[in-house]
Protein backbone atom coordinates (compact mmCIF):
# COMPACT_ATOMS: atom_id res chain seq x y z
CA UNK A 1 0.00 0.00 0.00
CA UNK A 2 1.25 3.47 -0.81
CA UNK A 3 2.48 5.60 2.08
CA UNK A 4 -0.50 7.77 2.98
CA UNK A 5 -0.48 10.67 5.45
CA UNK A 6 -3.95 9.56 6.64
CA UNK A 7 -6.22 6.59 6.01
CA UNK A 8 -9.47 8.55 6.30
CA UNK A 9 -10.82 12.06 5.78
CA UNK A 10 -13.60 12.87 8.25
CA UNK A 11 -15.53 16.05 7.59
CA UNK A 12 -18.43 17.94 9.01
CA UNK A 13 -20.78 19.30 6.36
CA UNK A 14 -22.53 22.62 7.12
CA UNK A 15 -20.00 25.39 7.56
CA UNK A 16 -17.19 23.01 6.63
CA UNK A 17 -17.47 20.87 3.51
CA UNK A 18 -20.56 22.63 2.12
CA UNK A 19 -20.21 26.09 0.63
CA UNK A 20 -22.32 29.11 1.56
CA UNK A 21 -25.04 27.88 -0.81
CA UNK A 22 -25.28 24.74 1.38
CA UNK A 23 -24.11 22.42 -1.37
CA UNK A 24 -20.91 20.51 -2.14
CA UNK A 25 -19.00 22.55 -4.69
CA UNK A 26 -17.60 21.04 -7.87
CA UNK A 27 -14.02 21.65 -6.71
CA UNK A 28 -14.73 19.79 -3.47
CA UNK A 29 -16.42 16.87 -5.22
CA UNK A 30 -13.54 16.50 -7.66
CA UNK A 31 -11.04 16.67 -4.79
CA UNK A 32 -12.76 14.00 -2.70
CA UNK A 33 -12.96 11.70 -5.71
CA UNK A 34 -9.23 12.07 -6.31
CA UNK A 35 -8.39 11.46 -2.66
CA UNK A 36 -10.69 8.42 -2.60
CA UNK A 37 -8.81 6.86 -5.54
CA UNK A 38 -5.81 6.62 -3.19
CA UNK A 39 -7.83 4.18 -1.05
CA UNK A 40 -8.56 6.85 1.53
CA UNK A 41 -11.95 6.52 3.21
CA UNK A 42 -14.25 9.55 2.98
CA UNK A 43 -16.43 9.87 6.07
CA UNK A 44 -19.07 12.58 6.40
CA UNK A 45 -19.80 13.36 10.05
CA UNK A 46 -22.73 15.71 10.46
CA UNK A 47 -25.74 16.76 12.45
CA UNK A 48 -27.83 16.14 9.34
CA UNK A 49 -30.03 13.07 9.01
CA UNK A 50 -29.17 9.95 7.03
CA UNK A 51 -31.69 10.46 4.17
CA UNK A 52 -30.20 13.90 3.52
CA UNK A 53 -26.58 12.78 3.57
CA UNK A 54 -26.95 9.58 1.58
CA UNK A 55 -28.43 11.53 -1.33
CA UNK A 56 -25.52 13.97 -1.34
CA UNK A 57 -22.89 11.24 -1.03
CA UNK A 58 -24.43 9.09 -3.75
CA UNK A 59 -24.51 12.09 -6.09
CA UNK A 60 -20.78 12.52 -5.50
CA UNK A 61 -20.19 8.89 -6.55
CA UNK A 62 -17.37 8.25 -4.09
CA UNK A 63 -16.34 4.74 -3.11
CA UNK A 64 -14.99 3.83 0.35
CA UNK A 65 -17.40 6.25 2.00
CA UNK A 66 -19.47 6.22 5.17
CA UNK A 67 -21.89 8.51 7.00
CA UNK A 68 -22.02 9.55 10.64
CA UNK A 69 -25.34 11.33 10.99
CA UNK A 70 -27.45 13.09 13.64
CA UNK A 71 -24.22 14.02 15.46
CA UNK A 72 -23.27 10.37 15.85
CA UNK A 73 -26.60 8.78 16.69
CA UNK A 74 -26.30 6.68 13.52
CA UNK A 75 -23.56 5.33 11.28
CA UNK A 76 -24.27 3.93 7.80
CA UNK A 77 -22.04 2.65 5.05
CA UNK A 78 -22.51 3.76 1.47
CA UNK A 79 -24.73 0.75 0.77
CA UNK A 80 -27.19 2.01 3.40
CA UNK A 81 -26.44 -0.62 6.03
CA UNK A 82 -26.88 0.63 9.59
CA UNK A 83 -23.56 -0.05 11.33
CA UNK A 84 -24.22 1.64 14.67
CA UNK A 85 -27.05 3.50 16.41
CA UNK A 86 -27.73 5.13 19.78
CA UNK A 87 -31.25 6.57 20.05
CA UNK A 88 -32.99 8.45 22.81
CA UNK A 89 -35.23 6.13 24.86
CA UNK A 90 -38.82 6.65 23.71
CA UNK A 91 -40.23 7.93 27.01
CA UNK A 92 -37.30 10.28 27.56
CA UNK A 93 -37.60 11.65 24.03
CA UNK A 94 -41.31 12.29 24.52
CA UNK A 95 -40.68 14.14 27.78
CA UNK A 96 -38.09 16.38 26.16
CA UNK A 97 -40.47 17.12 23.29
CA UNK A 98 -42.96 18.46 25.87
CA UNK A 99 -40.49 20.89 27.47
CA UNK A 100 -41.68 24.53 27.35
CA UNK A 101 -39.70 27.00 25.24
CA UNK A 102 -40.08 30.46 23.74
CA UNK A 103 -42.24 29.60 20.73
CA UNK A 104 -42.00 33.12 19.33
CA UNK A 105 -38.25 32.72 18.82
CA UNK A 106 -37.61 28.96 18.79
CA UNK A 107 -38.94 26.03 16.76
CA UNK A 108 -38.86 22.39 17.87
CA UNK A 109 -37.58 19.63 15.57
CA UNK A 110 -36.79 15.93 15.68
CA UNK A 111 -35.08 13.37 13.48
CA UNK A 112 -36.81 10.01 13.85
CA UNK A 113 -36.14 7.05 11.59
CA UNK A 114 -35.85 8.55 8.13
CA UNK A 115 -38.15 11.49 8.87
CA UNK A 116 -37.82 15.09 10.04
CA UNK A 117 -40.58 16.59 12.17
CA UNK A 118 -41.15 20.22 13.16
CA UNK A 119 -43.77 22.09 15.18
CA UNK A 120 -44.39 24.94 12.69
CA UNK A 121 -43.86 25.60 9.00
CA UNK A 122 -40.46 27.29 8.48
CA UNK A 123 -39.94 27.40 4.70
CA UNK A 124 -36.53 29.11 4.94
CA UNK A 125 -35.07 25.92 6.43
CA UNK A 126 -35.45 24.23 3.05
CA UNK A 127 -32.52 26.24 1.66
CA UNK A 128 -30.18 24.04 3.69
CA UNK A 129 -31.48 20.89 2.00
CA UNK A 130 -32.04 21.95 -1.59
CA UNK A 131 -29.41 19.52 -2.86
CA UNK A 132 -31.20 16.48 -1.40
CA UNK A 133 -34.78 17.76 -1.18
CA UNK A 134 -35.03 16.37 2.36
CA UNK A 135 -37.81 18.23 4.16
CA UNK A 136 -39.95 18.25 7.29
CA UNK A 137 -43.45 17.28 8.33
CA UNK A 138 -45.34 19.66 10.63
CA UNK A 139 -46.73 17.86 13.69
CA UNK A 140 -48.18 18.55 17.12
CA UNK A 141 -45.49 17.16 19.40
CA UNK A 142 -48.00 16.79 22.25
CA UNK A 143 -49.71 14.14 20.12
CA UNK A 144 -46.62 12.87 18.33
CA UNK A 145 -44.82 9.55 18.88
CA UNK A 146 -41.19 9.48 20.06
CA UNK A 147 -39.99 6.26 18.42
CA UNK A 148 -36.51 5.97 16.88
CA UNK A 149 -35.49 9.47 17.94
CA UNK A 150 -31.93 10.19 16.89
CA UNK A 151 -32.07 13.76 18.10
CA UNK A 152 -34.36 16.56 19.20
CA UNK A 153 -33.24 20.03 18.21
CA UNK A 154 -34.31 23.58 18.91
CA UNK A 155 -33.57 26.25 16.31
CA UNK A 156 -33.56 29.79 17.69
CA UNK A 157 -33.36 33.19 16.06
CA UNK A 158 -30.19 33.82 18.07
CA UNK A 159 -27.98 32.10 20.64
CA UNK A 160 -29.41 34.13 23.53
CA UNK A 161 -32.90 32.77 22.79
CA UNK A 162 -31.62 29.24 23.49
CA UNK A 163 -29.51 29.81 26.62
CA UNK A 164 -32.33 29.54 29.22
CA UNK A 165 -33.64 26.40 27.52
CA UNK A 166 -30.13 24.90 27.40
CA UNK A 167 -29.67 25.49 31.13
CA UNK A 168 -33.01 23.90 32.03
CA UNK A 169 -32.47 20.88 29.78
CA UNK A 170 -29.02 20.28 31.25
CA UNK A 171 -30.39 20.54 34.80
CA UNK A 172 -33.22 18.09 34.11
CA UNK A 173 -31.71 15.70 31.58
CA UNK A 174 -27.96 16.31 31.61
CA UNK A 175 -27.13 12.94 33.18
CA UNK A 176 -29.20 11.05 30.59
CA UNK A 177 -28.41 12.95 27.40
CA UNK A 178 -25.82 14.73 25.30
CA UNK A 179 -26.71 18.40 24.78
CA UNK A 180 -24.65 20.40 22.30
CA UNK A 181 -24.83 23.18 19.72
CA UNK A 182 -24.33 22.31 16.05
CA UNK A 183 -24.48 26.03 15.24
CA UNK A 184 -24.94 29.01 17.58
CA UNK A 185 -28.64 28.93 16.62
CA UNK A 186 -29.24 25.18 16.94
CA UNK A 187 -29.35 23.37 20.29
CA UNK A 188 -29.40 19.58 19.94
CA UNK A 189 -30.30 16.78 22.36
CA UNK A 190 -29.15 13.20 21.78
CA UNK A 191 -28.88 10.13 23.97
CA UNK A 192 -26.06 9.84 26.48
CA UNK A 193 -22.58 9.26 24.99
CA UNK A 194 -23.62 10.26 21.47
CA UNK A 195 -20.89 12.17 19.64
CA UNK A 196 -19.22 12.14 16.27
CA UNK A 197 -16.06 10.84 17.96
CA UNK A 198 -17.84 7.89 19.59
CA UNK A 199 -19.54 7.03 16.30
CA UNK A 200 -16.25 7.26 14.42
CA UNK A 201 -14.62 4.89 16.90
CA UNK A 202 -17.48 2.41 16.35
CA UNK A 203 -17.09 2.68 12.59
CA UNK A 204 -13.35 2.08 12.78
CA UNK A 205 -13.96 -1.25 14.51
CA UNK A 206 -14.72 -2.45 10.98
CA UNK A 207 -11.57 -0.88 9.52
CA UNK A 208 -7.89 -1.81 9.78
CA UNK A 209 -6.74 1.57 11.11
CA UNK A 210 -7.31 3.80 14.13
CA UNK A 211 -8.46 7.31 15.04
CA UNK A 212 -4.84 8.45 14.96
CA UNK A 213 -4.78 7.75 11.23
CA UNK A 214 -7.69 10.09 10.48
CA UNK A 215 -7.74 13.79 9.61
CA UNK A 216 -10.91 15.68 10.50
CA UNK A 217 -12.45 19.07 9.72
CA UNK A 218 -15.16 20.95 11.58
CA UNK A 219 -16.61 24.29 12.57
CA UNK A 220 -19.11 23.65 15.39
CA UNK A 221 -19.21 22.67 19.04
CA UNK A 222 -20.56 19.28 17.96
CA UNK A 223 -17.18 18.67 16.27
CA UNK A 224 -15.07 19.23 19.40
CA UNK A 225 -14.54 15.61 20.49
CA UNK A 226 -13.97 14.43 16.93
CA UNK A 227 -11.35 17.10 16.25
CA UNK A 228 -9.41 16.30 19.41
CA UNK A 229 -9.49 12.49 19.17
CA UNK A 230 -8.27 12.03 15.57
CA UNK A 231 -4.66 12.19 14.46
CA UNK A 232 -5.10 15.72 13.14
CA UNK A 233 -8.04 18.08 13.61
CA UNK A 234 -8.48 21.24 11.53
CA UNK A 235 -10.87 24.09 12.34
CA UNK A 236 -12.53 26.32 9.77
CA UNK A 237 -11.81 30.06 9.90
CA UNK A 238 -15.59 30.59 9.99
CA UNK A 239 -16.02 28.30 13.02
CA UNK A 240 -18.17 28.97 16.06
CA UNK A 241 -16.04 31.35 18.19
CA UNK A 242 -16.56 29.05 21.17
CA UNK A 243 -14.86 26.21 19.28
CA UNK A 244 -11.90 28.43 18.42
CA UNK A 245 -11.60 29.33 22.10
CA UNK A 246 -11.93 25.72 23.25
CA UNK A 247 -9.30 24.37 20.83
CA UNK A 248 -6.69 27.12 20.45
CA UNK A 249 -3.88 24.73 19.49
CA UNK A 250 -5.54 23.10 16.48
CA UNK A 251 -4.68 24.32 13.01
CA UNK A 252 -7.10 26.81 11.49
CA UNK A 253 -7.68 26.63 7.75
CA UNK A 254 -9.70 28.82 5.39
CA UNK A 255 -13.38 29.50 4.86
CA UNK A 256 -16.08 27.09 3.73
CA UNK A 257 -17.15 29.60 1.08
CA UNK A 258 -13.73 29.15 -0.54
CA UNK A 259 -13.91 25.32 -0.33
CA UNK A 260 -10.91 25.42 2.01
CA UNK A 261 -11.21 21.75 2.99
CA UNK A 262 -10.69 20.70 -0.61
CA UNK A 263 -7.65 22.96 -1.00
CA UNK A 264 -6.16 21.56 2.21
CA UNK A 265 -6.76 17.98 1.11
CA UNK A 266 -5.10 18.54 -2.27
CA UNK A 267 -1.99 19.82 -0.53
CA UNK A 268 -2.03 17.06 2.07
CA UNK A 269 -2.53 14.15 -0.32
CA UNK A 270 -0.60 15.60 -3.28
CA UNK A 271 -3.46 15.72 -5.78
CA UNK A 272 -3.98 18.42 -8.40
């Protein structure tokens, strides 16, 4: 086998691999294909749901790929096989769905199975999923089931809208859940011990290499564990300021709008 700097590229999507139009740019797609031809695994690790990510990855036509979705609540291979899952218990998920919040500034969402549920119609959210067409169903969460809940997430107009809710959720459910921000406007609740890093470690049980042989890219607080546990973690220049503060020693690269991950990978793996 050729001498590779890393055996796998692990990348967050929004704010990292995706450009400001929330799609994978042509330069990035071409880069990942070239890196993959060197027998390097491409692993997308994202807060997005599996139906969304599998469409994007299949469009890119990359072999040796896998998907860590819902912040690590699920792992699938490119063939769609579920390799690992860690869902919220049904009763716990239902209780969290009933928590009060500022409905004038926050909307409630869940990823369950292959579906996305929301409490109100928010058409502007569709811009984030125009590449896949993945969209939500509006439901009354007081009457909704809580089966197969990968995550519950609250999208606020601003970070300060979410802070009181975050504090209350951590006080009530902190010992049973993982509570993290994927962006400063999106507070996410998963089952205990769910993270991209944990999911990646589970995935690598089926590979012949370790976390130390992975390079990872991210921009959000939900990337923190992943970035610190791989061999090399790189932070986007447009990252959440709290992530930059938390990980001051990790290398910072360029902006997602400039497809900086792709440029970094070309230099790292010697492709042009």
